[in-house]
Amino acid sequence: MSTPDVPGAPVASGAPSWRPSVVFSDVDGTILDAAHRVTPRTAAAARALSEAGIPLVLVSARMPEALSEIRRGLGSAGPVVCYSGAYVLDAAGAELLSRPIALGCALEVRDFVACDVPDVTCMAYGYHTWVVSDRSDPRVMREERIVGVSSVEGSLEEHFSGRGLHKFLLAGEPAAIERAEREVGAAFPSLAVVRSSPILCEIMDGRASKTEGIRAVCTYLGVDVSGALSIGDGRNDIDMLRAVPESWAMSNAPGEVKDAAAHVTACDNDHDGFAETIFSVLSGR
């Protein structure tokens, strides 16, 4: 493996004792810095994985289109786990796993949120479509800026009548999001309801999880999940971190996320914590 073309990149001094068969990484707060960018050092770490023949698989709450530019920046052409495990695609975009919420249930969730948690913005995602009721909502506009994808205005019935949808994203103030997680979770026990940040809450089919997503990818790649490495920073990464022996929580992660992982990175996402961890693992340190 050639030394990454970045100042300060570590050089292996011998064969490492262990290397992962595949690396699964969260995106926001992990691969990306606080400005939602792939840094040069992170791109170099991704290249180092590629040169070592180790697939880098992005595991995210985002929709597929919101990962395209990031994948290009990383040179990552492998499978992707979208919607926190509810929709998994191979490198060519073919479906490996899909766990949609049926339209009838989705309509009940939409109406419940509108009545019981009216101070949050409710966004719906399914397959390759992101539906909102008002694109001028500042929370929608903020999300569009972050992910670089445009939503469409419309109804659930119009866009998801045939196959259902994969995720609701609720956005609001921390107190409202905490209440939404608690009340929606209690009202719909068959769904997975989890805060992905203090201001965001995700709602998926109860069978969907990042763990199920990474298992689907491991099956597709023909590798055992026990040989994988996972890394993340959010509460919605906890199950993924617990699913593999070699798991890393970012140093910018909350305490409960760090407790779920085998290791904690030395640096946060603004100081190339992902890259430093990958270089360390590849060099056997």
C-alpha atoms as a PDB file:
ATOM      1  CA  MET A   1       0.000   0.000   0.000  1.00  0.00           C
ATOM      2  CA  SER A   2       1.396   3.403  -0.918  1.00  0.00           C
ATOM      3  CA  THR A   3       1.618   6.151   1.654  1.00  0.00           C
ATOM      4  CA  PRO A   4      -1.345   8.551   1.413  1.00  0.00           C
ATOM      5  CA  ASP A   5      -0.344  11.857  -0.163  1.00  0.00           C
ATOM      6  CA  VAL A   6      -1.132  13.906   2.931  1.00  0.00           C
ATOM      7  CA  PRO A   7       1.450  15.416   5.292  1.00  0.00           C
ATOM      8  CA  GLY A   8       1.823  13.431   8.466  1.00  0.00           C
ATOM      9  CA  ALA A   9       0.186  10.241   7.187  1.00  0.00           C
ATOM     10  CA  PRO A  10       1.510   7.277   9.186  1.00  0.00           C
ATOM     11  CA  VAL A  11       3.684   4.711   7.467  1.00  0.00           C
ATOM     12  CA  ALA A  12       3.226   1.061   8.344  1.00  0.00           C
ATOM     13  CA  SER A  13       6.344  -0.483   9.853  1.00  0.00           C
ATOM     14  CA  GLY A  14       5.301  -4.095   9.333  1.00  0.00           C
ATOM     15  CA  ALA A  15       2.283  -6.257   8.712  1.00  0.00           C
ATOM     16  CA  PRO A  16      -0.598  -5.221  10.960  1.00  0.00           C
ATOM     17  CA  SER A  17      -1.985  -7.855  13.307  1.00  0.00           C
ATOM     18  CA  TRP A  18      -5.575  -7.287  12.179  1.00  0.00           C
ATOM     19  CA  ARG A  19      -7.355  -5.557   9.337  1.00  0.00           C
ATOM     20  CA  PRO A  20     -11.111  -5.274   8.837  1.00  0.00           C
ATOM     21  CA  SER A  21     -12.822  -7.035   5.962  1.00  0.00           C
ATOM     22  CA  VAL A  22     -15.086  -3.993   5.529  1.00  0.00           C
ATOM     23  CA  VAL A  23     -15.484  -0.588   7.199  1.00  0.00           C
ATOM     24  CA  PHE A  24     -18.960   0.752   7.971  1.00  0.00           C
ATOM     25  CA  SER A  25     -19.073   4.460   8.751  1.00  0.00           C
ATOM     26  CA  ASP A  26     -21.745   6.914   9.732  1.00  0.00           C
ATOM     27  CA  VAL A  27     -21.659  10.159   7.748  1.00  0.00           C
ATOM     28  CA  ASP A  28     -22.703  13.332   9.604  1.00  0.00           C
ATOM     29  CA  GLY A  29     -20.512  13.876  12.645  1.00  0.00           C
ATOM     30  CA  THR A  30     -18.170  11.070  11.587  1.00  0.00           C
ATOM     31  CA  ILE A  31     -16.964  11.110   7.966  1.00  0.00           C
ATOM     32  CA  LEU A  32     -17.933  14.783   7.598  1.00  0.00           C
ATOM     33  CA  ASP A  33     -16.660  17.713   9.641  1.00  0.00           C
ATOM     34  CA  ALA A  34     -18.972  20.255  11.274  1.00  0.00           C
ATOM     35  CA  ALA A  35     -19.276  22.103   7.959  1.00  0.00           C
ATOM     36  CA  HIS A  36     -20.466  18.835   6.343  1.00  0.00           C
ATOM     37  CA  ARG A  37     -17.315  18.456   4.249  1.00  0.00           C
ATOM     38  CA  VAL A  38     -14.974  15.579   3.428  1.00  0.00           C
ATOM     39  CA  THR A  39     -11.529  16.813   4.469  1.00  0.00           C
ATOM     40  CA  PRO A  40      -8.407  15.993   2.413  1.00  0.00           C
ATOM     41  CA  ARG A  41      -7.157  13.703   5.178  1.00  0.00           C
ATOM     42  CA  THR A  42     -10.439  11.796   5.287  1.00  0.00           C
ATOM     43  CA  ALA A  43     -10.310  11.393   1.512  1.00  0.00           C
ATOM     44  CA  ALA A  44      -6.753  10.057   1.903  1.00  0.00           C
ATOM     45  CA  ALA A  45      -7.919   7.543   4.516  1.00  0.00           C
ATOM     46  CA  ALA A  46     -10.647   6.366   2.125  1.00  0.00           C
ATOM     47  CA  ARG A  47      -8.032   5.929  -0.604  1.00  0.00           C
ATOM     48  CA  ALA A  48      -5.856   3.953   1.800  1.00  0.00           C
ATOM     49  CA  LEU A  49      -8.752   1.589   2.480  1.00  0.00           C
ATOM     50  CA  SER A  50      -9.330   1.166  -1.240  1.00  0.00           C
ATOM     51  CA  GLU A  51      -5.643   0.424  -1.847  1.00  0.00           C
ATOM     52  CA  ALA A  52      -5.806  -2.181   0.908  1.00  0.00           C
ATOM     53  CA  GLY A  53      -8.825  -3.813  -0.753  1.00  0.00           C
ATOM     54  CA  ILE A  54     -11.151  -2.913   2.126  1.00  0.00           C
ATOM     55  CA  PRO A  55     -14.612  -1.642   1.123  1.00  0.00           C
ATOM     56  CA  LEU A  56     -15.817   1.575   2.783  1.00  0.00           C
ATOM     57  CA  VAL A  57     -19.598   1.485   3.189  1.00  0.00           C
ATOM     58  CA  LEU A  58     -21.499   4.608   4.216  1.00  0.00           C
ATOM     59  CA  VAL A  59     -24.273   3.974   6.751  1.00  0.00           C
ATOM     60  CA  SER A  60     -26.503   6.996   7.079  1.00  0.00           C
ATOM     61  CA  ALA A  61     -29.921   8.384   7.853  1.00  0.00           C
ATOM     62  CA  ARG A  62     -29.658  10.221   4.533  1.00  0.00           C
ATOM     63  CA  MET A  63     -31.380   9.328   1.275  1.00  0.00           C
ATOM     64  CA  PRO A  64     -29.269   7.827  -1.535  1.00  0.00           C
ATOM     65  CA  GLU A  65     -29.016  11.079  -3.497  1.00  0.00           C
ATOM     66  CA  ALA A  66     -27.670  12.885  -0.423  1.00  0.00           C
ATOM     67  CA  LEU A  67     -24.711  10.491  -0.347  1.00  0.00           C
ATOM     68  CA  SER A  68     -23.681  10.770  -4.007  1.00  0.00           C
ATOM     69  CA  GLU A  69     -21.336  13.748  -3.713  1.00  0.00           C
ATOM     70  CA  ILE A  70     -19.807  12.387  -0.502  1.00  0.00           C
ATOM     71  CA  ARG A  71     -19.124   9.038  -2.171  1.00  0.00           C
ATOM     72  CA  ARG A  72     -17.428  10.821  -5.059  1.00  0.00           C
ATOM     73  CA  GLY A  73     -15.277  12.818  -2.632  1.00  0.00           C
ATOM     74  CA  LEU A  74     -14.227   9.616  -0.903  1.00  0.00           C
ATOM     75  CA  GLY A  75     -13.825   7.569  -4.059  1.00  0.00           C
ATOM     76  CA  SER A  76     -16.227   5.073  -2.469  1.00  0.00           C
ATOM     77  CA  ALA A  77     -18.026   2.986  -5.067  1.00  0.00           C
ATOM     78  CA  GLY A  78     -19.420   0.260  -2.833  1.00  0.00           C
ATOM     79  CA  PRO A  79     -22.858  -0.415  -1.369  1.00  0.00           C
ATOM     80  CA  VAL A  80     -24.681   2.165   0.782  1.00  0.00           C
ATOM     81  CA  VAL A  81     -26.969   1.804   3.775  1.00  0.00           C
ATOM     82  CA  CYS A  82     -29.595   4.582   3.659  1.00  0.00           C
ATOM     83  CA  TYR A  83     -32.399   5.696   5.976  1.00  0.00           C
ATOM     84  CA  SER A  84     -30.587   4.158   8.971  1.00  0.00           C
ATOM     85  CA  GLY A  85     -30.875   0.683   7.496  1.00  0.00           C
ATOM     86  CA  ALA A  86     -34.335   0.842   5.958  1.00  0.00           C
ATOM     87  CA  TYR A  87     -32.996   0.953   2.373  1.00  0.00           C
ATOM     88  CA  VAL A  88     -29.764  -0.750   1.285  1.00  0.00           C
ATOM     89  CA  LEU A  89     -28.354  -0.540  -2.242  1.00  0.00           C
ATOM     90  CA  ASP A  90     -25.426  -2.131  -4.037  1.00  0.00           C
ATOM     91  CA  ALA A  91     -22.842  -0.105  -5.939  1.00  0.00           C
ATOM     92  CA  ALA A  92     -25.028   0.003  -9.044  1.00  0.00           C
ATOM     93  CA  GLY A  93     -28.102   1.152  -7.112  1.00  0.00           C
ATOM     94  CA  ALA A  94     -29.867  -2.202  -7.058  1.00  0.00           C
ATOM     95  CA  GLU A  95     -31.913  -2.917  -3.948  1.00  0.00           C
ATOM     96  CA  LEU A  96     -30.393  -5.274  -1.380  1.00  0.00           C
ATOM     97  CA  LEU A  97     -32.900  -4.578   1.416  1.00  0.00           C
ATOM     98  CA  SER A  98     -36.036  -2.477   1.840  1.00  0.00           C
ATOM     99  CA  ARG A  99     -38.087  -1.974   5.012  1.00  0.00           C
ATOM    100  CA  PRO A 100     -40.800   0.568   4.152  1.00  0.00           C
ATOM    101  CA  ILE A 101     -43.596   1.810   6.395  1.00  0.00           C
ATOM    102  CA  ALA A 102     -46.956   0.933   4.793  1.00  0.00           C
ATOM    103  CA  LEU A 103     -48.890   3.962   3.586  1.00  0.00           C
ATOM    104  CA  GLY A 104     -51.778   3.420   6.015  1.00  0.00           C
ATOM    105  CA  CYS A 105     -49.447   3.460   9.013  1.00  0.00           C
ATOM    106  CA  ALA A 106     -47.536   6.422   7.553  1.00  0.00           C
ATOM    107  CA  LEU A 107     -50.741   8.442   7.295  1.00  0.00           C
ATOM    108  CA  GLU A 108     -51.518   7.681  10.937  1.00  0.00           C
ATOM    109  CA  VAL A 109     -48.042   8.848  11.965  1.00  0.00           C
ATOM    110  CA  ARG A 110     -48.373  12.043   9.929  1.00  0.00           C
ATOM    111  CA  ASP A 111     -51.723  12.887  11.524  1.00  0.00           C
ATOM    112  CA  PHE A 112     -50.514  12.003  15.026  1.00  0.00           C
ATOM    113  CA  VAL A 113     -47.495  14.279  14.711  1.00  0.00           C
ATOM    114  CA  ALA A 114     -49.633  17.121  13.342  1.00  0.00           C
ATOM    115  CA  CYS A 115     -52.047  16.875  16.281  1.00  0.00           C
ATOM    116  CA  ASP A 116     -49.795  15.916  19.194  1.00  0.00           C
ATOM    117  CA  VAL A 117     -46.446  17.505  18.298  1.00  0.00           C
ATOM    118  CA  PRO A 118     -47.439  20.449  16.080  1.00  0.00           C
ATOM    119  CA  ASP A 119     -44.290  22.429  16.863  1.00  0.00           C
ATOM    120  CA  VAL A 120     -42.035  20.120  14.819  1.00  0.00           C
ATOM    121  CA  THR A 121     -41.559  19.924  11.062  1.00  0.00           C
ATOM    122  CA  CYS A 122     -42.402  16.520   9.583  1.00  0.00           C
ATOM    123  CA  MET A 123     -40.576  15.385   6.442  1.00  0.00           C
ATOM    124  CA  ALA A 124     -41.137  12.088   4.609  1.00  0.00           C
ATOM    125  CA  TYR A 125     -38.650  10.020   2.617  1.00  0.00           C
ATOM    126  CA  GLY A 126     -39.147   6.959   0.470  1.00  0.00           C
ATOM    127  CA  TYR A 127     -36.798   5.348  -2.031  1.00  0.00           C
ATOM    128  CA  HIS A 128     -35.469   8.347  -3.998  1.00  0.00           C
ATOM    129  CA  THR A 129     -38.102  10.930  -3.039  1.00  0.00           C
ATOM    130  CA  TRP A 130     -38.180  13.504  -0.223  1.00  0.00           C
ATOM    131  CA  VAL A 131     -41.623  15.024   0.391  1.00  0.00           C
ATOM    132  CA  VAL A 132     -42.485  18.085   2.484  1.00  0.00           C
ATOM    133  CA  SER A 133     -45.576  20.238   2.837  1.00  0.00           C
ATOM    134  CA  ASP A 134     -43.716  23.561   2.589  1.00  0.00           C
ATOM    135  CA  ARG A 135     -40.252  23.983   1.084  1.00  0.00           C
ATOM    136  CA  SER A 136     -40.042  27.517   2.515  1.00  0.00           C
ATOM    137  CA  ASP A 137     -40.044  26.118   6.070  1.00  0.00           C
ATOM    138  CA  PRO A 138     -36.658  27.206   7.543  1.00  0.00           C
ATOM    139  CA  ARG A 139     -36.064  23.680   8.875  1.00  0.00           C
ATOM    140  CA  VAL A 140     -36.602  22.194   5.434  1.00  0.00           C
ATOM    141  CA  MET A 141     -34.352  24.825   3.890  1.00  0.00           C
ATOM    142  CA  ARG A 142     -31.635  24.066   6.440  1.00  0.00           C
ATOM    143  CA  GLU A 143     -31.806  20.357   5.679  1.00  0.00           C
ATOM    144  CA  GLU A 144     -31.639  21.011   1.936  1.00  0.00           C
ATOM    145  CA  ARG A 145     -28.514  23.125   2.403  1.00  0.00           C
ATOM    146  CA  ILE A 146     -26.831  20.433   4.482  1.00  0.00           C
ATOM    147  CA  VAL A 147     -27.531  17.455   2.227  1.00  0.00           C
ATOM    148  CA  GLY A 148     -27.415  19.238  -1.132  1.00  0.00           C
ATOM    149  CA  VAL A 149     -30.690  17.720  -2.338  1.00  0.00           C
ATOM    150  CA  SER A 150     -34.004  19.416  -3.066  1.00  0.00           C
ATOM    151  CA  SER A 151     -37.257  18.219  -1.537  1.00  0.00           C
ATOM    152  CA  VAL A 152     -40.596  18.278  -3.337  1.00  0.00           C
ATOM    153  CA  GLU A 153     -43.898  19.593  -2.052  1.00  0.00           C
ATOM    154  CA  GLY A 154     -46.787  17.176  -2.054  1.00  0.00           C
ATOM    155  CA  SER A 155     -48.804  14.608  -0.140  1.00  0.00           C
ATOM    156  CA  LEU A 156     -47.897  11.128   1.042  1.00  0.00           C
ATOM    157  CA  GLU A 157     -50.788   9.720  -0.943  1.00  0.00           C
ATOM    158  CA  GLU A 158     -49.469  11.326  -4.118  1.00  0.00           C
ATOM    159  CA  HIS A 159     -45.884  10.098  -3.820  1.00  0.00           C
ATOM    160  CA  PHE A 160     -45.966   6.900  -1.759  1.00  0.00           C
ATOM    161  CA  SER A 161     -49.300   5.224  -2.490  1.00  0.00           C
ATOM    162  CA  GLY A 162     -47.801   2.109  -4.034  1.00  0.00           C
ATOM    163  CA  ARG A 163     -44.826   1.078  -1.921  1.00  0.00           C
ATOM    164  CA  GLY A 164     -44.996   3.103   1.284  1.00  0.00           C
ATOM    165  CA  LEU A 165     -42.088   5.177   2.578  1.00  0.00           C
ATOM    166  CA  HIS A 166     -38.858   4.535   4.433  1.00  0.00           C
ATOM    167  CA  LYS A 167     -38.546   7.329   6.952  1.00  0.00           C
ATOM    168  CA  PHE A 168     -40.046  10.340   8.643  1.00  0.00           C
ATOM    169  CA  LEU A 169     -37.664  13.011   9.850  1.00  0.00           C
ATOM    170  CA  LEU A 170     -38.941  15.332  12.564  1.00  0.00           C
ATOM    171  CA  ALA A 171     -37.055  18.599  13.061  1.00  0.00           C
ATOM    172  CA  GLY A 172     -37.551  21.027  15.921  1.00  0.00           C
ATOM    173  CA  GLU A 173     -36.257  22.415  19.171  1.00  0.00           C
ATOM    174  CA  PRO A 174     -34.599  19.908  21.539  1.00  0.00           C
ATOM    175  CA  ALA A 175     -37.489  19.789  24.031  1.00  0.00           C
ATOM    176  CA  ALA A 176     -40.023  19.216  21.252  1.00  0.00           C
ATOM    177  CA  ILE A 177     -37.873  16.511  19.643  1.00  0.00           C
ATOM    178  CA  GLU A 178     -37.433  14.724  22.961  1.00  0.00           C
ATOM    179  CA  ARG A 179     -41.204  14.811  23.468  1.00  0.00           C
ATOM    180  CA  ALA A 180     -41.815  13.614  19.912  1.00  0.00           C
ATOM    181  CA  GLU A 181     -39.490  10.642  20.394  1.00  0.00           C
ATOM    182  CA  ARG A 182     -41.289   9.678  23.593  1.00  0.00           C
ATOM    183  CA  GLU A 183     -44.883  10.177  22.411  1.00  0.00           C
ATOM    184  CA  VAL A 184     -44.558   8.810  18.875  1.00  0.00           C
ATOM    185  CA  GLY A 185     -42.649   5.828  20.218  1.00  0.00           C
ATOM    186  CA  ALA A 186     -45.393   5.100  22.738  1.00  0.00           C
ATOM    187  CA  ALA A 187     -48.183   5.531  20.181  1.00  0.00           C
ATOM    188  CA  PHE A 188     -46.505   3.371  17.498  1.00  0.00           C
ATOM    189  CA  PRO A 189     -44.603   0.561  19.225  1.00  0.00           C
ATOM    190  CA  SER A 190     -44.097  -1.297  15.938  1.00  0.00           C
ATOM    191  CA  LEU A 191     -41.937   1.547  14.617  1.00  0.00           C
ATOM    192  CA  ALA A 192     -38.329   2.487  15.407  1.00  0.00           C
ATOM    193  CA  VAL A 193     -38.294   6.030  16.795  1.00  0.00           C
ATOM    194  CA  VAL A 194     -34.941   7.541  17.751  1.00  0.00           C
ATOM    195  CA  ARG A 195     -33.333  10.959  18.077  1.00  0.00           C
ATOM    196  CA  SER A 196     -30.383  11.207  15.698  1.00  0.00           C
ATOM    197  CA  SER A 197     -29.408  14.614  17.131  1.00  0.00           C
ATOM    198  CA  PRO A 198     -30.860  17.026  19.693  1.00  0.00           C
ATOM    199  CA  ILE A 199     -32.950  18.646  16.939  1.00  0.00           C
ATOM    200  CA  LEU A 200     -33.810  15.619  14.772  1.00  0.00           C
ATOM    201  CA  CYS A 201     -35.854  12.462  15.307  1.00  0.00           C
ATOM    202  CA  GLU A 202     -36.160   9.594  12.843  1.00  0.00           C
ATOM    203  CA  ILE A 203     -39.115   7.231  12.453  1.00  0.00           C
ATOM    204  CA  MET A 204     -38.684   3.965  10.531  1.00  0.00           C
ATOM    205  CA  ASP A 205     -40.221   0.524  10.298  1.00  0.00           C
ATOM    206  CA  GLY A 206     -39.458  -1.396  13.493  1.00  0.00           C
ATOM    207  CA  ARG A 207     -37.449  -3.993  11.582  1.00  0.00           C
ATOM    208  CA  ALA A 208     -35.075  -1.386  10.187  1.00  0.00           C
ATOM    209  CA  SER A 209     -31.729  -0.805  11.861  1.00  0.00           C
ATOM    210  CA  LYS A 210     -28.192   0.016  10.874  1.00  0.00           C
ATOM    211  CA  THR A 211     -27.251  -3.445  12.151  1.00  0.00           C
ATOM    212  CA  GLU A 212     -29.622  -5.151   9.725  1.00  0.00           C
ATOM    213  CA  GLY A 213     -28.244  -2.943   6.970  1.00  0.00           C
ATOM    214  CA  ILE A 214     -24.627  -3.866   7.611  1.00  0.00           C
ATOM    215  CA  ARG A 215     -25.536  -7.547   7.817  1.00  0.00           C
ATOM    216  CA  ALA A 216     -27.217  -7.305   4.413  1.00  0.00           C
ATOM    217  CA  VAL A 217     -24.063  -5.728   2.990  1.00  0.00           C
ATOM    218  CA  CYS A 218     -21.810  -8.357   4.580  1.00  0.00           C
ATOM    219  CA  THR A 219     -23.932 -11.100   3.039  1.00  0.00           C
ATOM    220  CA  TYR A 220     -23.718  -9.359  -0.334  1.00  0.00           C
ATOM    221  CA  LEU A 221     -19.926  -8.968  -0.044  1.00  0.00           C
ATOM    222  CA  GLY A 222     -19.463 -12.524   1.229  1.00  0.00           C
ATOM    223  CA  VAL A 223     -17.728 -11.485   4.473  1.00  0.00           C
ATOM    224  CA  ASP A 224     -18.535 -12.164   8.104  1.00  0.00           C
ATOM    225  CA  VAL A 225     -19.829  -9.273  10.217  1.00  0.00           C
ATOM    226  CA  SER A 226     -17.389 -10.292  12.964  1.00  0.00           C
ATOM    227  CA  GLY A 227     -14.554  -9.061  10.752  1.00  0.00           C
ATOM    228  CA  ALA A 228     -16.080  -5.631  10.161  1.00  0.00           C
ATOM    229  CA  LEU A 229     -15.187  -2.282  11.695  1.00  0.00           C
ATOM    230  CA  SER A 230     -17.930   0.241  12.485  1.00  0.00           C
ATOM    231  CA  ILE A 231     -17.599   3.883  13.459  1.00  0.00           C
ATOM    232  CA  GLY A 232     -20.211   6.504  14.359  1.00  0.00           C
ATOM    233  CA  ASP A 233     -21.222   9.338  16.633  1.00  0.00           C
ATOM    234  CA  GLY A 234     -25.002   9.379  17.100  1.00  0.00           C
ATOM    235  CA  ARG A 235     -27.632   7.611  19.144  1.00  0.00           C
ATOM    236  CA  ASN A 236     -28.868   5.998  15.942  1.00  0.00           C
ATOM    237  CA  ASP A 237     -25.407   4.397  15.597  1.00  0.00           C
ATOM    238  CA  ILE A 238     -25.538   2.539  18.914  1.00  0.00           C
ATOM    239  CA  ASP A 239     -26.928  -0.714  17.520  1.00  0.00           C
ATOM    240  CA  MET A 240     -24.321  -0.693  14.734  1.00  0.00           C
ATOM    241  CA  LEU A 241     -21.513  -0.134  17.222  1.00  0.00           C
ATOM    242  CA  ARG A 242     -22.722  -3.030  19.335  1.00  0.00           C
ATOM    243  CA  ALA A 243     -23.035  -5.316  16.315  1.00  0.00           C
ATOM    244  CA  VAL A 244     -19.299  -5.738  15.623  1.00  0.00           C
ATOM    245  CA  PRO A 245     -16.376  -6.383  17.994  1.00  0.00           C
ATOM    246  CA  GLU A 246     -14.188  -3.659  16.445  1.00  0.00           C
ATOM    247  CA  SER A 247     -16.354  -0.562  16.914  1.00  0.00           C
ATOM    248  CA  TRP A 248     -15.335   3.061  17.385  1.00  0.00           C
ATOM    249  CA  ALA A 249     -17.339   5.978  18.770  1.00  0.00           C
ATOM    250  CA  MET A 250     -16.201   9.407  17.703  1.00  0.00           C
ATOM    251  CA  SER A 251     -14.803  11.570  20.487  1.00  0.00           C
ATOM    252  CA  ASN A 252     -17.554  14.096  19.695  1.00  0.00           C
ATOM    253  CA  ALA A 253     -20.221  11.458  20.449  1.00  0.00           C
ATOM    254  CA  PRO A 254     -22.485  11.595  23.542  1.00  0.00           C
ATOM    255  CA  GLY A 255     -21.510   9.453  26.505  1.00  0.00           C
ATOM    256  CA  GLU A 256     -24.104   6.762  25.828  1.00  0.00           C
ATOM    257  CA  VAL A 257     -22.687   6.278  22.308  1.00  0.00           C
ATOM    258  CA  LYS A 258     -19.135   5.999  23.645  1.00  0.00           C
ATOM    259  CA  ASP A 259     -20.336   3.428  26.171  1.00  0.00           C
ATOM    260  CA  ALA A 260     -21.717   1.285  23.333  1.00  0.00           C
ATOM    261  CA  ALA A 261     -18.408   1.113  21.435  1.00  0.00           C
ATOM    262  CA  ALA A 262     -15.259  -0.899  22.023  1.00  0.00           C
ATOM    263  CA  HIS A 263     -13.066   2.173  21.404  1.00  0.00           C
ATOM    264  CA  VAL A 264     -13.275   5.963  21.240  1.00  0.00           C
ATOM    265  CA  THR A 265     -11.378   7.940  18.606  1.00  0.00           C
ATOM    266  CA  ALA A 266      -8.573  10.211  19.773  1.00  0.00           C
ATOM    267  CA  CYS A 267      -9.881  13.141  17.695  1.00  0.00           C
ATOM    268  CA  ASP A 268     -13.319  14.507  16.871  1.00  0.00           C
ATOM    269  CA  ASN A 269     -14.828  14.946  13.410  1.00  0.00           C
ATOM    270  CA  ASP A 270     -13.364  18.452  13.098  1.00  0.00           C
ATOM    271  CA  HIS A 271      -9.876  17.047  13.628  1.00  0.00           C
ATOM    272  CA  ASP A 272      -9.991  14.028  11.309  1.00  0.00           C
ATOM    273  CA  GLY A 273     -10.972  11.481  13.942  1.00  0.00           C
ATOM    274  CA  PHE A 274     -12.190   9.043  11.284  1.00  0.00           C
ATOM    275  CA  ALA A 275      -8.995   9.357   9.241  1.00  0.00           C
ATOM    276  CA  GLU A 276      -6.653   9.031  12.208  1.00  0.00           C
ATOM    277  CA  THR A 277      -8.475   5.887  13.329  1.00  0.00           C
ATOM    278  CA  ILE A 278      -8.304   4.308   9.875  1.00  0.00           C
ATOM    279  CA  PHE A 279      -4.601   5.097   9.484  1.00  0.00           C
ATOM    280  CA  SER A 280      -3.936   3.678  12.928  1.00  0.00           C
ATOM    281  CA  VAL A 281      -5.824   0.457  12.184  1.00  0.00           C
ATOM    282  CA  LEU A 282      -4.097   0.010   8.827  1.00  0.00           C
ATOM    283  CA  SER A 283      -0.673   0.523  10.342  1.00  0.00           C
ATOM    284  CA  GLY A 284      -1.410  -2.003  13.093  1.00  0.00           C
ATOM    285  CA  ARG A 285      -0.942   0.453  15.939  1.00  0.00           C
END
